């Protein structure tokens, strides 16, 4: 009786060892398969982050250039209006001189 129980326990032990080994191999296979996928996804995410940062930087540069261009045009328009007012004032002066003999 004892020997049959020992034999059954040894058989159960070998079965458990085989199951543990099988699960270990499945874990290694999954790590190989999915580890590469996870690494690939991380690399892709990093590339996308870098692309976004570059695009954001280019956008900020374009905004700055646009702001500078608008400011330059605004200044040029203000200068032109000032010149027009000066010319109108000079023209009015000339008209007054011509009208007054």
PDB file of N, CA and C in Angstrom:
ATOM      1  N   UNK A   1       0.830  -1.196   0.000  1.00  0.00           N
ATOM      2  CA  UNK A   1       0.000   0.000   0.000  1.00  0.00           C
ATOM      3  C   UNK A   1       0.869   1.252   0.000  1.00  0.00           C
ATOM      4  N   UNK A   2       1.862   1.316   0.913  1.00  0.00           N
ATOM      5  CA  UNK A   2       2.748   2.474   1.025  1.00  0.00           C
ATOM      6  C   UNK A   2       3.531   2.681  -0.259  1.00  0.00           C
ATOM      7  N   UNK A   3       4.010   1.559  -0.821  1.00  0.00           N
ATOM      8  CA  UNK A   3       4.794   1.683  -2.056  1.00  0.00           C
ATOM      9  C   UNK A   3       3.929   2.198  -3.207  1.00  0.00           C
ATOM     10  N   UNK A   4       2.708   1.802  -3.279  1.00  0.00           N
ATOM     11  CA  UNK A   4       1.840   2.295  -4.353  1.00  0.00           C
ATOM     12  C   UNK A   4       1.531   3.778  -4.156  1.00  0.00           C
ATOM     13  N   UNK A   5       1.399   4.194  -2.904  1.00  0.00           N
ATOM     14  CA  UNK A   5       1.191   5.624  -2.627  1.00  0.00           C
ATOM     15  C   UNK A   5       2.443   6.420  -2.983  1.00  0.00           C
ATOM     16  N   UNK A   6       3.634   5.868  -2.679  1.00  0.00           N
ATOM     17  CA  UNK A   6       4.901   6.527  -3.035  1.00  0.00           C
ATOM     18  C   UNK A   6       5.014   6.616  -4.549  1.00  0.00           C
ATOM     19  N   UNK A   7       4.689   5.532  -5.238  1.00  0.00           N
ATOM     20  CA  UNK A   7       4.759   5.521  -6.697  1.00  0.00           C
ATOM     21  C   UNK A   7       3.784   6.546  -7.273  1.00  0.00           C
ATOM     22  N   UNK A   8       2.580   6.634  -6.723  1.00  0.00           N
ATOM     23  CA  UNK A   8       1.586   7.605  -7.197  1.00  0.00           C
ATOM     24  C   UNK A   8       2.067   9.028  -6.928  1.00  0.00           C
ATOM     25  N   UNK A   9       2.671   9.252  -5.740  1.00  0.00           N
ATOM     26  CA  UNK A   9       3.190  10.580  -5.408  1.00  0.00           C
ATOM     27  C   UNK A   9       4.320  10.952  -6.341  1.00  0.00           C
ATOM     28  N   UNK A  10       5.220   9.993  -6.651  1.00  0.00           N
ATOM     29  CA  UNK A  10       6.322  10.261  -7.588  1.00  0.00           C
ATOM     30  C   UNK A  10       5.780  10.577  -8.978  1.00  0.00           C
ATOM     31  N   UNK A  11       4.724   9.820  -9.370  1.00  0.00           N
ATOM     32  CA  UNK A  11       4.104  10.079 -10.679  1.00  0.00           C
ATOM     33  C   UNK A  11       3.497  11.486 -10.689  1.00  0.00           C
ATOM     34  N   UNK A  12       2.799  11.834  -9.595  1.00  0.00           N
ATOM     35  CA  UNK A  12       2.220  13.178  -9.494  1.00  0.00           C
ATOM     36  C   UNK A  12       3.313  14.242  -9.511  1.00  0.00           C
ATOM     37  N   UNK A  13       4.419  13.952  -8.832  1.00  0.00           N
ATOM     38  CA  UNK A  13       5.538  14.897  -8.797  1.00  0.00           C
ATOM     39  C   UNK A  13       6.102  15.094 -10.206  1.00  0.00           C
ATOM     40  N   UNK A  14       6.300  13.996 -10.940  1.00  0.00           N
ATOM     41  CA  UNK A  14       6.820  14.109 -12.315  1.00  0.00           C
ATOM     42  C   UNK A  14       5.832  14.864 -13.206  1.00  0.00           C
ATOM     43  N   UNK A  15       4.543  14.602 -13.016  1.00  0.00           N
ATOM     44  CA  UNK A  15       3.514  15.310 -13.786  1.00  0.00           C
ATOM     45  C   UNK A  15       3.574  16.804 -13.493  1.00  0.00           C
ATOM     46  N   UNK A  16       3.690  17.150 -12.204  1.00  0.00           N
ATOM     47  CA  UNK A  16       3.795  18.567 -11.837  1.00  0.00           C
ATOM     48  C   UNK A  16       5.058  19.193 -12.406  1.00  0.00           C
ATOM     49  N   UNK A  17       6.182  18.465 -12.347  1.00  0.00           N
ATOM     50  CA  UNK A  17       7.436  18.992 -12.907  1.00  0.00           C
ATOM     51  C   UNK A  17       7.295  19.224 -14.403  1.00  0.00           C
ATOM     52  N   UNK A  18       6.618  18.289 -15.090  1.00  0.00           N
ATOM     53  CA  UNK A  18       6.405  18.466 -16.532  1.00  0.00           C
ATOM     54  C   UNK A  18       5.507  19.676 -16.802  1.00  0.00           C
ATOM     55  N   UNK A  19       4.481  19.834 -15.983  1.00  0.00           N
ATOM     56  CA  UNK A  19       3.590  20.992 -16.143  1.00  0.00           C
ATOM     57  C   UNK A  19       4.342  22.301 -15.902  1.00  0.00           C
ATOM     58  N   UNK A  20       5.167  22.321 -14.841  1.00  0.00           N
ATOM     59  CA  UNK A  20       5.949  23.522 -14.540  1.00  0.00           C
ATOM     60  C   UNK A  20       6.880  23.833 -15.699  1.00  0.00           C
ATOM     61  N   UNK A  21       7.552  22.804 -16.240  1.00  0.00           N
ATOM     62  CA  UNK A  21       8.465  23.006 -17.372  1.00  0.00           C
ATOM     63  C   UNK A  21       7.695  23.503 -18.601  1.00  0.00           C
ATOM     64  N   UNK A  22       6.526  22.943 -18.820  1.00  0.00           N
ATOM     65  CA  UNK A  22       5.708  23.348 -19.965  1.00  0.00           C
ATOM     66  C   UNK A  22       5.287  24.812 -19.830  1.00  0.00           C
ATOM     67  N   UNK A  23       4.845  25.197 -18.647  1.00  0.00           N
ATOM     68  CA  UNK A  23       4.445  26.588 -18.407  1.00  0.00           C
ATOM     69  C   UNK A  23       5.642  27.516 -18.548  1.00  0.00           C
ATOM     70  N   UNK A  24       6.815  27.088 -18.062  1.00  0.00           N
ATOM     71  CA  UNK A  24       8.028  27.898 -18.188  1.00  0.00           C
ATOM     72  C   UNK A  24       8.353  28.133 -19.667  1.00  0.00           C
ATOM     73  N   UNK A  25       8.281  27.046 -20.478  1.00  0.00           N
ATOM     74  CA  UNK A  25       8.563  27.189 -21.919  1.00  0.00           C
ATOM     75  C   UNK A  25       7.530  28.088 -22.594  1.00  0.00           C
ATOM     76  N   UNK A  26       6.272  27.943 -22.203  1.00  0.00           N
ATOM     77  CA  UNK A  26       5.228  28.798 -22.771  1.00  0.00           C
ATOM     78  C   UNK A  26       5.510  30.263 -22.417  1.00  0.00           C
ATOM     79  N   UNK A  27       5.959  30.499 -21.191  1.00  0.00           N
ATOM     80  CA  UNK A  27       6.309  31.860 -20.779  1.00  0.00           C
ATOM     81  C   UNK A  27       7.453  32.417 -21.593  1.00  0.00           C
ATOM     82  N   UNK A  28       8.477  31.580 -21.827  1.00  0.00           N
ATOM     83  CA  UNK A  28       9.617  32.039 -22.636  1.00  0.00           C
ATOM     84  C   UNK A  28       9.186  32.337 -24.061  1.00  0.00           C
ATOM     85  N   UNK A  29       8.360  31.429 -24.629  1.00  0.00           N
ATOM     86  CA  UNK A  29       7.866  31.658 -26.000  1.00  0.00           C
ATOM     87  C   UNK A  29       7.059  32.953 -26.083  1.00  0.00           C
ATOM     88  N   UNK A  30       6.180  33.168 -25.101  1.00  0.00           N
ATOM     89  CA  UNK A  30       5.361  34.380 -25.097  1.00  0.00           C
ATOM     90  C   UNK A  30       6.245  35.619 -24.957  1.00  0.00           C
ATOM     91  N   UNK A  31       7.260  35.513 -24.105  1.00  0.00           N
ATOM     92  CA  UNK A  31       8.167  36.653 -23.918  1.00  0.00           C
ATOM     93  C   UNK A  31       8.902  36.972 -25.209  1.00  0.00           C
ATOM     94  N   UNK A  32       9.351  35.922 -25.905  1.00  0.00           N
ATOM     95  CA  UNK A  32      10.036  36.151 -27.198  1.00  0.00           C
ATOM     96  C   UNK A  32       9.088  36.784 -28.200  1.00  0.00           C
ATOM     97  N   UNK A  33       7.900  36.171 -28.332  1.00  0.00           N
ATOM     98  CA  UNK A  33       6.945  36.645 -29.317  1.00  0.00           C
ATOM     99  C   UNK A  33       6.438  38.044 -28.991  1.00  0.00           C
ATOM    100  N   UNK A  34       5.949  38.221 -27.769  1.00  0.00           N
ATOM    101  CA  UNK A  34       5.320  39.482 -27.419  1.00  0.00           C
ATOM    102  C   UNK A  34       6.316  40.522 -26.952  1.00  0.00           C
ATOM    103  N   UNK A  35       7.462  40.071 -26.471  1.00  0.00           N
ATOM    104  CA  UNK A  35       8.506  41.017 -26.082  1.00  0.00           C
ATOM    105  C   UNK A  35       8.962  41.832 -27.280  1.00  0.00           C
ATOM    106  N   UNK A  36       9.123  41.141 -28.422  1.00  0.00           N
ATOM    107  CA  UNK A  36       9.513  41.840 -29.650  1.00  0.00           C
ATOM    108  C   UNK A  36       8.405  42.796 -30.076  1.00  0.00           C
ATOM    109  N   UNK A  37       7.164  42.374 -29.935  1.00  0.00           N
ATOM    110  CA  UNK A  37       6.041  43.238 -30.306  1.00  0.00           C
ATOM    111  C   UNK A  37       5.996  44.474 -29.417  1.00  0.00           C
ATOM    112  N   UNK A  38       6.178  44.267 -28.121  1.00  0.00           N
ATOM    113  CA  UNK A  38       6.167  45.397 -27.191  1.00  0.00           C
ATOM    114  C   UNK A  38       7.315  46.350 -27.509  1.00  0.00           C
ATOM    115  N   UNK A  39       8.505  45.804 -27.775  1.00  0.00           N
ATOM    116  CA  UNK A  39       9.646  46.658 -28.129  1.00  0.00           C
ATOM    117  C   UNK A  39       9.364  47.433 -29.402  1.00  0.00           C
ATOM    118  N   UNK A  40       8.774  46.755 -30.375  1.00  0.00           N
ATOM    119  CA  UNK A  40       8.438  47.410 -31.637  1.00  0.00           C
ATOM    120  C   UNK A  40       7.421  48.524 -31.419  1.00  0.00           C
ATOM    121  N   UNK A  41       6.410  48.249 -30.586  1.00  0.00           N
ATOM    122  CA  UNK A  41       5.399  49.272 -30.308  1.00  0.00           C
ATOM    123  C   UNK A  41       5.999  50.453 -29.562  1.00  0.00           C
ATOM    124  N   UNK A  42       6.901  50.180 -28.630  1.00  0.00           N
ATOM    125  CA  UNK A  42       7.559  51.274 -27.908  1.00  0.00           C
ATOM    126  C   UNK A  42       8.390  52.127 -28.859  1.00  0.00           C
ATOM    127  N   UNK A  43       9.123  51.448 -29.763  1.00  0.00           N
ATOM    128  CA  UNK A  43       9.946  52.193 -30.729  1.00  0.00           C
ATOM    129  C   UNK A  43       9.059  53.046 -31.636  1.00  0.00           C
ATOM    130  N   UNK A  44       7.936  52.476 -32.073  1.00  0.00           N
ATOM    131  CA  UNK A  44       7.011  53.227 -32.929  1.00  0.00           C
ATOM    132  C   UNK A  44       6.432  54.419 -32.181  1.00  0.00           C
ATOM    133  N   UNK A  45       6.075  54.214 -30.917  1.00  0.00           N
ATOM    134  CA  UNK A  45       5.552  55.315 -30.110  1.00  0.00           C
ATOM    135  C   UNK A  45       6.602  56.416 -29.951  1.00  0.00           C
ATOM    136  N   UNK A  46       7.852  56.032 -29.765  1.00  0.00           N
ATOM    137  CA  UNK A  46       8.934  57.018 -29.635  1.00  0.00           C
ATOM    138  C   UNK A  46       9.107  57.789 -30.937  1.00  0.00           C
ATOM    139  N   UNK A  47       9.033  57.076 -32.077  1.00  0.00           N
ATOM    140  CA  UNK A  47       9.131  57.756 -33.377  1.00  0.00           C
ATOM    141  C   UNK A  47       7.984  58.754 -33.551  1.00  0.00           C
ATOM    142  N   UNK A  48       6.776  58.332 -33.165  1.00  0.00           N
ATOM    143  CA  UNK A  48       5.622  59.232 -33.288  1.00  0.00           C
ATOM    144  C   UNK A  48       5.792  60.451 -32.375  1.00  0.00           C
ATOM    145  N   UNK A  49       6.294  60.221 -31.168  1.00  0.00           N
ATOM    146  CA  UNK A  49       6.558  61.345 -30.260  1.00  0.00           C
ATOM    147  C   UNK A  49       7.553  62.313 -30.883  1.00  0.00           C
ATOM    148  N   UNK A  50       8.619  61.761 -31.464  1.00  0.00           N
ATOM    149  CA  UNK A  50       9.639  62.610 -32.097  1.00  0.00           C
ATOM    150  C   UNK A  50       9.056  63.379 -33.281  1.00  0.00           C
ATOM    151  N   UNK A  51       8.224  62.707 -34.080  1.00  0.00           N
ATOM    152  CA  UNK A  51       7.583  63.383 -35.209  1.00  0.00           C
ATOM    153  C   UNK A  51       6.681  64.512 -34.711  1.00  0.00           C
ATOM    154  N   UNK A  52       5.922  64.248 -33.645  1.00  0.00           N
ATOM    155  CA  UNK A  52       5.022  65.257 -33.096  1.00  0.00           C
ATOM    156  C   UNK A  52       5.825  66.444 -32.582  1.00  0.00           C
ATOM    157  N   UNK A  53       6.918  66.165 -31.867  1.00  0.00           N
ATOM    158  CA  UNK A  53       7.743  67.260 -31.338  1.00  0.00           C
ATOM    159  C   UNK A  53       8.320  68.087 -32.483  1.00  0.00           C
ATOM    160  N   UNK A  54       8.777  67.420 -33.549  1.00  0.00           N
ATOM    161  CA  UNK A  54       9.327  68.143 -34.704  1.00  0.00           C
ATOM    162  C   UNK A  54       8.239  68.986 -35.374  1.00  0.00           C
ATOM    163  N   UNK A  55       7.061  68.390 -35.565  1.00  0.00           N
ATOM    164  CA  UNK A  55       5.959  69.133 -36.188  1.00  0.00           C
ATOM    165  C   UNK A  55       5.559  70.321 -35.319  1.00  0.00           C
ATOM    166  N   UNK A  56       5.524  70.122 -34.026  1.00  0.00           N
ATOM    167  CA  UNK A  56       5.172  71.203 -33.104  1.00  0.00           C
ATOM    168  C   UNK A  56       6.212  72.316 -33.168  1.00  0.00           C
ATOM    169  N   UNK A  57       7.470  71.942 -33.266  1.00  0.00           N
ATOM    170  CA  UNK A  57       8.543  72.928 -33.374  1.00  0.00           C
ATOM    171  C   UNK A  57       8.432  73.711 -34.688  1.00  0.00           C
ATOM    172  N   UNK A  58       8.168  73.000 -35.782  1.00  0.00           N
ATOM    173  CA  UNK A  58       8.001  73.670 -37.076  1.00  0.00           C
ATOM    174  C   UNK A  58       6.794  74.609 -37.048  1.00  0.00           C
ATOM    175  N   UNK A  59       5.736  74.176 -36.405  1.00  0.00           N
ATOM    176  CA  UNK A  59       4.550  75.021 -36.294  1.00  0.00           C
ATOM    177  C   UNK A  59       4.849  76.282 -35.490  1.00  0.00           C
ATOM    178  N   UNK A  60       5.573  76.129 -34.398  1.00  0.00           N
ATOM    179  CA  UNK A  60       5.933  77.293 -33.581  1.00  0.00           C
ATOM    180  C   UNK A  60       6.808  78.254 -34.385  1.00  0.00           C
ATOM    181  N   UNK A  61       7.739  77.702 -35.168  1.00  0.00           N
ATOM    182  CA  UNK A  61       8.603  78.546 -36.005  1.00  0.00           C
ATOM    183  C   UNK A  61       7.779  79.282 -37.058  1.00  0.00           C
ATOM    184  N   UNK A  62       6.829  78.565 -37.677  1.00  0.00           N
ATOM    185  CA  UNK A  62       5.973  79.194 -38.692  1.00  0.00           C
ATOM    186  C   UNK A  62       5.116  80.298 -38.072  1.00  0.00           C
ATOM    187  N   UNK A  63       4.596  80.047 -36.868  1.00  0.00           N
ATOM    188  CA  UNK A  63       3.806  81.082 -36.178  1.00  0.00           C
ATOM    189  C   UNK A  63       4.653  82.315 -35.905  1.00  0.00           C
ATOM    190  N   UNK A  64       5.870  82.092 -35.461  1.00  0.00           N
ATOM    191  CA  UNK A  64       6.767  83.209 -35.174  1.00  0.00           C
ATOM    192  C   UNK A  64       7.034  84.015 -36.450  1.00  0.00           C
ATOM    193  N   UNK A  65       7.310  83.317 -37.556  1.00  0.00           N
ATOM    194  CA  UNK A  65       7.558  84.009 -38.824  1.00  0.00           C
ATOM    195  C   UNK A  65       6.324  84.786 -39.272  1.00  0.00           C
ATOM    196  N   UNK A  66       5.158  84.161 -39.098  1.00  0.00           N
ATOM    197  CA  UNK A  66       3.915  84.841 -39.480  1.00  0.00           C
ATOM    198  C   UNK A  66       3.693  86.085 -38.626  1.00  0.00           C
ATOM    199  N   UNK A  67       3.903  85.946 -37.315  1.00  0.00           N
ATOM    200  CA  UNK A  67       3.767  87.103 -36.423  1.00  0.00           C
ATOM    201  C   UNK A  67       4.725  88.215 -36.813  1.00  0.00           C
ATOM    202  N   UNK A  68       5.967  87.852 -37.143  1.00  0.00           N
ATOM    203  CA  UNK A  68       6.961  88.846 -37.546  1.00  0.00           C
ATOM    204  C   UNK A  68       6.546  89.530 -38.841  1.00  0.00           C
ATOM    205  N   UNK A  69       6.033  88.749 -39.789  1.00  0.00           N
ATOM    206  CA  UNK A  69       5.602  89.311 -41.075  1.00  0.00           C
ATOM    207  C   UNK A  69       4.415  90.247 -40.868  1.00  0.00           C
ATOM    208  N   UNK A  70       3.451  89.826 -40.069  1.00  0.00           N
ATOM    209  CA  UNK A  70       2.282  90.674 -39.803  1.00  0.00           C
ATOM    210  C   UNK A  70       2.717  91.969 -39.110  1.00  0.00           C
ATOM    211  N   UNK A  71       3.624  91.862 -38.155  1.00  0.00           N
ATOM    212  CA  UNK A  71       4.102  93.056 -37.456  1.00  0.00           C
ATOM    213  C   UNK A  71       4.814  93.999 -38.421  1.00  0.00           C
ATOM    214  N   UNK A  72       5.612  93.450 -39.323  1.00  0.00           N
ATOM    215  CA  UNK A  72       6.317  94.285 -40.309  1.00  0.00           C
ATOM    216  C   UNK A  72       5.320  94.973 -41.239  1.00  0.00           C
ATOM    217  N   UNK A  73       4.290  94.229 -41.672  1.00  0.00           N
ATOM    218  CA  UNK A  73       3.278  94.841 -42.551  1.00  0.00           C
ATOM    219  C   UNK A  73       2.477  95.905 -41.800  1.00  0.00           C
ATOM    220  N   UNK A  74       2.159  95.631 -40.542  1.00  0.00           N
ATOM    221  CA  UNK A  74       1.438  96.632 -39.751  1.00  0.00           C
ATOM    222  C   UNK A  74       2.264  97.910 -39.612  1.00  0.00           C
ATOM    223  N   UNK A  75       3.553  97.763 -39.368  1.00  0.00           N
ATOM    224  CA  UNK A  75       4.430  98.937 -39.239  1.00  0.00           C
ATOM    225  C   UNK A  75       4.513  99.683 -40.566  1.00  0.00           C
ATOM    226  N   UNK A  76       4.653  98.935 -41.639  1.00  0.00           N
ATOM    227  CA  UNK A  76       4.722  99.564 -42.962  1.00  0.00           C
ATOM    228  C   UNK A  76       3.427 100.324 -43.262  1.00  0.00           C
ATOM    229  N   UNK A  77       2.276  99.737 -42.919  1.00  0.00           N
ATOM    230  CA  UNK A  77       0.990 100.400 -43.159  1.00  0.00           C
ATOM    231  C   UNK A  77       0.875 101.653 -42.293  1.00  0.00           C
ATOM    232  N   UNK A  78       1.315 101.576 -41.047  1.00  0.00           N
ATOM    233  CA  UNK A  78       1.271 102.753 -40.168  1.00  0.00           C
ATOM    234  C   UNK A  78       2.179 103.853 -40.711  1.00  0.00           C
ATOM    235  N   UNK A  79       3.360 103.472 -41.193  1.00  0.00           N
ATOM    236  CA  UNK A  79       4.285 104.454 -41.782  1.00  0.00           C
ATOM    237  C   UNK A  79       3.663 105.110 -43.012  1.00  0.00           C
ATOM    238  N   UNK A  80       2.996 104.292 -43.840  1.00  0.00           N
ATOM    239  CA  UNK A  80       2.360 104.843 -45.044  1.00  0.00           C
ATOM    240  C   UNK A  80       1.249 105.818 -44.668  1.00  0.00           C
ATOM    241  N   UNK A  81       0.439 105.471 -43.662  1.00  0.00           N
ATOM    242  CA  UNK A  81      -0.633 106.387 -43.223  1.00  0.00           C
ATOM    243  C   UNK A  81      -0.040 107.685 -42.682  1.00  0.00           C
ATOM    244  N   UNK A  82       1.059 107.586 -41.956  1.00  0.00           N
ATOM    245  CA  UNK A  82       1.709 108.793 -41.423  1.00  0.00           C
ATOM    246  C   UNK A  82       2.222 109.658 -42.578  1.00  0.00           C
ATOM    247  N   UNK A  83       2.833 109.016 -43.593  1.00  0.00           N
ATOM    248  CA  UNK A  83       3.314 109.781 -44.761  1.00  0.00           C
ATOM    249  C   UNK A  83       2.144 110.441 -45.490  1.00  0.00           C
ATOM    250  N   UNK A  84       1.033 109.715 -45.628  1.00  0.00           N
ATOM    251  CA  UNK A  84      -0.148 110.285 -46.291  1.00  0.00           C
ATOM    252  C   UNK A  84      -0.666 111.502 -45.528  1.00  0.00           C
ATOM    253  N   UNK A  85      -0.711 111.384 -44.201  1.00  0.00           N
ATOM    254  CA  UNK A  85      -1.186 112.531 -43.396  1.00  0.00           C
ATOM    255  C   UNK A  85      -0.237 113.723 -43.559  1.00  0.00           C
ATOM    256  N   UNK A  86       1.059 113.430 -43.565  1.00  0.00           N
ATOM    257  CA  UNK A  86       2.043 114.505 -43.742  1.00  0.00           C
ATOM    258  C   UNK A  86       1.872 115.148 -45.121  1.00  0.00           C
ATOM    259  N   UNK A  87       1.697 114.319 -46.144  1.00  0.00           N
ATOM    260  CA  UNK A  87       1.531 114.857 -47.505  1.00  0.00           C
ATOM    261  C   UNK A  87       0.232 115.653 -47.624  1.00  0.00           C
ATOM    262  N   UNK A  88      -0.828 115.146 -46.988  1.00  0.00           N
ATOM    263  CA  UNK A  88      -2.101 115.880 -47.012  1.00  0.00           C
ATOM    264  C   UNK A  88      -1.950 117.235 -46.312  1.00  0.00           C
ATOM    265  N   UNK A  89      -1.241 117.244 -45.200  1.00  0.00           N
ATOM    266  CA  UNK A  89      -1.029 118.503 -44.476  1.00  0.00           C
ATOM    267  C   UNK A  89      -0.214 119.464 -45.342  1.00  0.00           C
ATOM    268  N   UNK A  90       0.818 118.949 -46.010  1.00  0.00           N
ATOM    269  CA  UNK A  90       1.628 119.809 -46.887  1.00  0.00           C
ATOM    270  C   UNK A  90       0.800 120.316 -48.057  1.00  0.00           C
ATOM    271  N   UNK A  91      -0.053 119.453 -48.594  1.00  0.00           N
ATOM    272  CA  UNK A  91      -0.918 119.854 -49.709  1.00  0.00           C
ATOM    273  C   UNK A  91      -1.887 120.952 -49.271  1.00  0.00           C
ATOM    274  N   UNK A  92      -2.458 120.798 -48.083  1.00  0.00           N
ATOM    275  CA  UNK A  92      -3.366 121.824 -47.560  1.00  0.00           C
ATOM    276  C   UNK A  92      -2.627 123.147 -47.388  1.00  0.00           C
ATOM    277  N   UNK A  93      -1.399 123.080 -46.913  1.00  0.00           N
ATOM    278  CA  UNK A  93      -0.594 124.294 -46.742  1.00  0.00           C
ATOM    279  C   UNK A  93      -0.367 124.978 -48.085  1.00  0.00           C
ATOM    280  N   UNK A  94      -0.012 124.135 -49.087  1.00  0.00           N
ATOM    281  CA  UNK A  94       0.219 124.699 -50.412  1.00  0.00           C
ATOM    282  C   UNK A  94      -1.057 125.331 -50.968  1.00  0.00           C
ATOM    283  N   UNK A  95      -2.181 124.677 -50.775  1.00  0.00           N
ATOM    284  CA  UNK A  95      -3.456 125.212 -51.250  1.00  0.00           C
ATOM    285  C   UNK A  95      -3.737 126.555 -50.596  1.00  0.00           C
ATOM    286  N   UNK A  96      -3.477 126.652 -49.285  1.00  0.00           N
ATOM    287  CA  UNK A  96      -3.724 127.908 -48.583  1.00  0.00           C
ATOM    288  C   UNK A  96      -2.817 128.999 -49.120  1.00  0.00           C
ATOM    289  N   UNK A  97      -1.564 128.633 -49.414  1.00  0.00           N
ATOM    290  CA  UNK A  97      -0.627 129.638 -49.950  1.00  0.00           C
ATOM    291  C   UNK A  97      -1.054 130.085 -51.340  1.00  0.00           C
ATOM    292  N   UNK A  98      -1.574 129.168 -52.135  1.00  0.00           N
ATOM    293  CA  UNK A  98      -2.001 129.507 -53.491  1.00  0.00           C
ATOM    294  C   UNK A  98      -3.262 130.360 -53.420  1.00  0.00           C
ATOM    295  N   UNK A  99      -4.165 130.061 -52.536  1.00  0.00           N
ATOM    296  CA  UNK A  99      -5.401 130.819 -52.432  1.00  0.00           C
ATOM    297  C   UNK A  99      -5.110 132.204 -51.886  1.00  0.00           C
ATOM    298  N   UNK A 100      -4.172 132.326 -50.941  1.00  0.00           N
ATOM    299  CA  UNK A 100      -3.825 133.645 -50.382  1.00  0.00           C
ATOM    300  C   UNK A 100      -2.748 134.292 -51.245  1.00  0.00           C
ATOM    301  N   UNK A 101      -3.093 135.326 -51.881  1.00  0.00           N
ATOM    302  CA  UNK A 101      -2.068 136.023 -52.695  1.00  0.00           C
ATOM    303  C   UNK A 101      -1.124 136.862 -51.858  1.00  0.00           C
TER     304      UNK A 101
END
